N, C-alpha and C. Protein backbone atom coordinates (compact mmCIF):
# COMPACT_ATOMS: atom_id res chain seq x y z
N MET A 1 106.99 91.55 78.67
CA MET A 1 107.88 92.08 79.69
C MET A 1 108.76 90.96 80.23
N ASN A 2 109.49 90.32 79.39
CA ASN A 2 110.38 89.26 79.83
C ASN A 2 111.78 89.79 80.06
N GLY A 3 112.51 89.14 80.94
CA GLY A 3 113.89 89.50 81.17
C GLY A 3 114.09 90.66 82.12
N LEU A 4 113.06 91.06 82.86
CA LEU A 4 113.20 92.15 83.82
C LEU A 4 113.59 91.59 85.18
N THR A 5 114.46 92.29 85.86
CA THR A 5 114.87 91.91 87.21
C THR A 5 114.67 93.11 88.12
N ALA A 6 114.13 92.85 89.29
CA ALA A 6 113.95 93.92 90.28
C ALA A 6 115.15 93.93 91.21
N TYR A 7 115.72 95.10 91.42
CA TYR A 7 116.87 95.27 92.30
C TYR A 7 116.50 96.24 93.42
N LYS A 8 117.05 96.00 94.61
CA LYS A 8 116.82 96.89 95.75
C LYS A 8 118.14 97.53 96.13
N CYS A 9 118.12 98.85 96.35
CA CYS A 9 119.33 99.57 96.75
C CYS A 9 119.70 99.20 98.18
N LEU A 10 120.96 98.91 98.40
CA LEU A 10 121.44 98.54 99.73
C LEU A 10 121.61 99.76 100.62
N GLU A 11 121.57 100.96 100.05
CA GLU A 11 121.72 102.18 100.84
C GLU A 11 120.39 102.85 101.14
N CYS A 12 119.58 103.13 100.11
CA CYS A 12 118.34 103.89 100.34
C CYS A 12 117.08 103.05 100.27
N GLY A 13 117.17 101.79 99.79
CA GLY A 13 116.01 100.92 99.73
C GLY A 13 115.14 101.09 98.50
N HIS A 14 115.54 101.98 97.57
CA HIS A 14 114.78 102.22 96.34
C HIS A 14 114.83 100.97 95.46
N TYR A 15 113.72 100.69 94.75
CA TYR A 15 113.68 99.55 93.83
C TYR A 15 113.90 100.02 92.41
N THR A 16 114.70 99.26 91.67
CA THR A 16 114.99 99.54 90.27
C THR A 16 114.65 98.27 89.49
N ILE A 17 113.93 98.41 88.39
CA ILE A 17 113.62 97.26 87.54
C ILE A 17 114.32 97.49 86.21
N SER A 18 115.10 96.49 85.80
CA SER A 18 115.93 96.67 84.62
C SER A 18 115.99 95.40 83.79
N ARG A 19 116.20 95.56 82.49
CA ARG A 19 116.40 94.41 81.60
C ARG A 19 117.84 93.91 81.67
N ARG A 20 118.76 94.76 82.06
CA ARG A 20 120.16 94.35 82.15
C ARG A 20 120.59 94.35 83.61
N ASP A 21 121.72 93.72 83.88
CA ASP A 21 122.22 93.64 85.24
C ASP A 21 122.42 95.04 85.81
N GLY A 22 121.83 95.26 86.96
CA GLY A 22 121.98 96.55 87.61
C GLY A 22 123.28 96.62 88.39
N ASN A 23 123.87 97.80 88.43
CA ASN A 23 125.08 97.95 89.23
C ASN A 23 125.01 99.18 90.12
N LYS A 24 124.04 100.09 89.85
CA LYS A 24 123.87 101.28 90.68
C LYS A 24 122.40 101.60 90.82
N CYS A 25 122.06 102.18 91.94
CA CYS A 25 120.69 102.61 92.20
C CYS A 25 120.34 103.78 91.27
N ALA A 26 119.14 103.76 90.71
CA ALA A 26 118.70 104.83 89.83
C ALA A 26 118.42 106.12 90.61
N LYS A 27 118.23 106.00 91.93
CA LYS A 27 117.90 107.17 92.73
C LYS A 27 119.13 107.80 93.38
N CYS A 28 120.01 106.96 94.00
CA CYS A 28 121.13 107.54 94.77
C CYS A 28 122.50 107.05 94.31
N ASP A 29 122.55 106.23 93.26
CA ASP A 29 123.80 105.65 92.74
C ASP A 29 124.48 104.70 93.71
N GLY A 30 123.75 104.22 94.74
CA GLY A 30 124.31 103.26 95.69
C GLY A 30 124.33 101.86 95.08
N PRO A 31 124.95 100.90 95.77
CA PRO A 31 125.00 99.52 95.27
C PRO A 31 123.63 98.86 95.38
N ILE A 32 123.31 97.99 94.43
CA ILE A 32 122.02 97.30 94.43
C ILE A 32 122.21 95.80 94.38
N ALA A 33 121.17 95.08 94.83
CA ALA A 33 121.17 93.62 94.80
C ALA A 33 119.80 93.16 94.31
N PRO A 34 119.73 91.97 93.69
CA PRO A 34 118.43 91.48 93.25
C PRO A 34 117.45 91.43 94.43
N MET A 35 116.17 91.75 94.17
CA MET A 35 115.15 91.87 95.20
C MET A 35 114.78 90.54 95.82
N GLY A 36 114.32 90.59 97.05
CA GLY A 36 113.81 89.42 97.75
C GLY A 36 114.91 88.46 98.10
N HIS A 37 114.63 87.20 97.92
CA HIS A 37 115.60 86.16 98.28
C HIS A 37 116.49 85.78 97.10
N ALA A 38 116.42 86.53 96.03
CA ALA A 38 117.22 86.24 94.85
C ALA A 38 118.69 86.55 95.11
N THR A 39 119.53 85.88 94.39
CA THR A 39 120.96 86.15 94.44
C THR A 39 121.37 86.63 93.06
N ASN A 40 122.61 87.05 92.92
CA ASN A 40 123.07 87.49 91.60
C ASN A 40 122.96 86.38 90.57
N ALA A 41 123.06 85.11 91.00
CA ALA A 41 122.93 84.00 90.07
C ALA A 41 121.51 83.92 89.52
N ASP A 42 120.51 84.44 90.29
CA ASP A 42 119.13 84.41 89.85
C ASP A 42 118.76 85.60 88.97
N ALA A 43 119.67 86.53 88.79
CA ALA A 43 119.36 87.78 88.09
C ALA A 43 118.91 87.54 86.65
N SER A 44 119.30 86.43 86.07
CA SER A 44 118.92 86.17 84.68
C SER A 44 117.49 85.63 84.56
N LYS A 45 116.85 85.31 85.67
CA LYS A 45 115.48 84.81 85.62
C LYS A 45 114.54 85.94 85.23
N ALA A 46 113.52 85.60 84.48
CA ALA A 46 112.58 86.61 83.99
C ALA A 46 111.54 86.93 85.04
N LEU A 47 111.08 88.15 85.02
CA LEU A 47 110.00 88.61 85.87
C LEU A 47 108.85 88.97 84.96
N GLN A 48 107.73 88.31 85.14
CA GLN A 48 106.59 88.59 84.28
C GLN A 48 105.47 89.15 85.14
N VAL A 49 104.96 90.29 84.76
CA VAL A 49 103.90 90.95 85.49
C VAL A 49 102.78 91.28 84.51
N ASN A 50 101.59 90.86 84.84
CA ASN A 50 100.43 91.16 84.00
C ASN A 50 99.49 92.05 84.80
N VAL A 51 99.32 93.28 84.35
CA VAL A 51 98.40 94.20 85.00
C VAL A 51 97.55 94.89 83.95
N SER A 52 96.40 95.31 84.36
CA SER A 52 95.55 96.08 83.46
C SER A 52 95.63 97.54 83.88
N ILE A 53 95.17 98.42 83.03
CA ILE A 53 95.15 99.84 83.36
C ILE A 53 94.31 100.07 84.61
N LYS A 54 93.22 99.33 84.73
CA LYS A 54 92.36 99.44 85.90
C LYS A 54 93.15 99.13 87.17
N ASP A 55 93.97 98.07 87.14
CA ASP A 55 94.79 97.71 88.30
C ASP A 55 95.79 98.82 88.62
N THR A 56 96.39 99.41 87.61
CA THR A 56 97.36 100.47 87.80
C THR A 56 96.71 101.69 88.43
N ASP A 57 95.53 102.06 87.94
CA ASP A 57 94.83 103.20 88.51
C ASP A 57 94.44 102.95 89.96
N LEU A 58 93.98 101.75 90.25
CA LEU A 58 93.62 101.40 91.62
C LEU A 58 94.85 101.46 92.52
N PHE A 59 95.97 100.94 92.03
CA PHE A 59 97.21 100.96 92.81
C PHE A 59 97.64 102.40 93.11
N LYS A 60 97.56 103.27 92.12
CA LYS A 60 97.92 104.68 92.32
C LYS A 60 97.03 105.33 93.37
N LYS A 61 95.73 105.04 93.32
CA LYS A 61 94.80 105.60 94.30
C LYS A 61 95.13 105.09 95.70
N MET A 62 95.46 103.81 95.81
CA MET A 62 95.81 103.23 97.11
C MET A 62 97.07 103.90 97.66
N LEU A 63 98.05 104.10 96.81
CA LEU A 63 99.28 104.76 97.26
C LEU A 63 99.01 106.19 97.71
N GLN A 64 98.14 106.88 97.01
CA GLN A 64 97.78 108.25 97.40
C GLN A 64 97.13 108.26 98.78
N ILE A 65 96.24 107.31 99.03
CA ILE A 65 95.57 107.22 100.32
C ILE A 65 96.57 106.90 101.42
N PHE A 66 97.42 105.91 101.18
CA PHE A 66 98.42 105.54 102.19
C PHE A 66 99.37 106.70 102.47
N SER A 67 99.80 107.38 101.42
CA SER A 67 100.71 108.52 101.60
C SER A 67 100.04 109.62 102.41
N ALA A 68 98.77 109.91 102.11
CA ALA A 68 98.05 110.94 102.84
C ALA A 68 97.91 110.58 104.31
N LEU A 69 97.63 109.31 104.59
CA LEU A 69 97.52 108.88 105.99
C LEU A 69 98.86 108.99 106.72
N ILE A 70 99.93 108.62 106.05
CA ILE A 70 101.25 108.68 106.68
C ILE A 70 101.68 110.12 106.90
N ASP A 71 101.35 111.01 105.96
CA ASP A 71 101.74 112.42 106.07
C ASP A 71 100.87 113.22 107.04
N ASP A 72 99.68 112.72 107.34
CA ASP A 72 98.75 113.44 108.22
C ASP A 72 99.23 113.32 109.66
N GLU A 73 99.48 114.47 110.28
CA GLU A 73 99.98 114.46 111.66
C GLU A 73 98.94 113.95 112.65
N ARG A 74 97.67 113.89 112.25
CA ARG A 74 96.63 113.36 113.13
C ARG A 74 96.61 111.83 113.16
N THR A 75 97.25 111.19 112.19
CA THR A 75 97.31 109.73 112.16
C THR A 75 98.27 109.27 113.24
N PRO A 76 97.83 108.37 114.13
CA PRO A 76 98.71 107.89 115.19
C PRO A 76 99.93 107.17 114.63
N ASP A 77 101.05 107.26 115.35
CA ASP A 77 102.30 106.62 114.89
C ASP A 77 102.12 105.12 114.68
N TRP A 78 101.35 104.47 115.57
CA TRP A 78 101.18 103.02 115.43
C TRP A 78 100.48 102.68 114.10
N ALA A 79 99.54 103.55 113.67
CA ALA A 79 98.84 103.31 112.41
C ALA A 79 99.78 103.52 111.23
N LYS A 80 100.61 104.56 111.30
CA LYS A 80 101.59 104.82 110.23
C LYS A 80 102.55 103.64 110.09
N GLU A 81 103.03 103.14 111.22
CA GLU A 81 103.96 102.00 111.20
C GLU A 81 103.30 100.76 110.63
N LYS A 82 102.05 100.54 111.00
CA LYS A 82 101.32 99.37 110.49
C LYS A 82 101.12 99.45 108.98
N ILE A 83 100.77 100.63 108.47
CA ILE A 83 100.60 100.82 107.03
C ILE A 83 101.92 100.53 106.31
N GLN A 84 103.00 101.13 106.81
CA GLN A 84 104.30 100.93 106.18
C GLN A 84 104.72 99.46 106.21
N ARG A 85 104.48 98.80 107.34
CA ARG A 85 104.86 97.38 107.48
C ARG A 85 104.08 96.52 106.50
N HIS A 86 102.77 96.74 106.38
CA HIS A 86 101.95 95.94 105.48
C HIS A 86 102.31 96.18 104.02
N VAL A 87 102.57 97.43 103.66
CA VAL A 87 102.95 97.73 102.29
C VAL A 87 104.29 97.08 101.95
N LEU A 88 105.27 97.21 102.85
CA LEU A 88 106.58 96.60 102.61
C LEU A 88 106.49 95.08 102.54
N ASN A 89 105.67 94.46 103.39
CA ASN A 89 105.50 93.01 103.36
C ASN A 89 104.90 92.58 102.03
N ALA A 90 103.94 93.34 101.53
CA ALA A 90 103.32 93.01 100.24
C ALA A 90 104.31 93.15 99.09
N VAL A 91 105.16 94.17 99.15
CA VAL A 91 106.16 94.41 98.11
C VAL A 91 107.22 93.31 98.11
N ASN A 92 107.61 92.86 99.29
CA ASN A 92 108.70 91.88 99.40
C ASN A 92 108.26 90.44 99.18
N LYS A 93 106.98 90.20 98.94
CA LYS A 93 106.51 88.82 98.70
C LYS A 93 106.86 88.38 97.32
């Protein structure tokens, strides 16, 4: 998985991972920029990710739990905000 670059949409915040330079969001067709502190000059740098199927399944389960907590009206707003903040901080590292 060499040559992949992660881009974040400047309008909706959706992430797109592509082998070629991105110019539009895959979700809303808005403008995108390389993720994190990268600049367009860094877009040619490779992104290498090594995961196992076990990691992927665990990640999916975690997302399901977080989504259920955020969607549950019994979950306090402060808890929903904390979950979203921690997930976004982990993604942006």
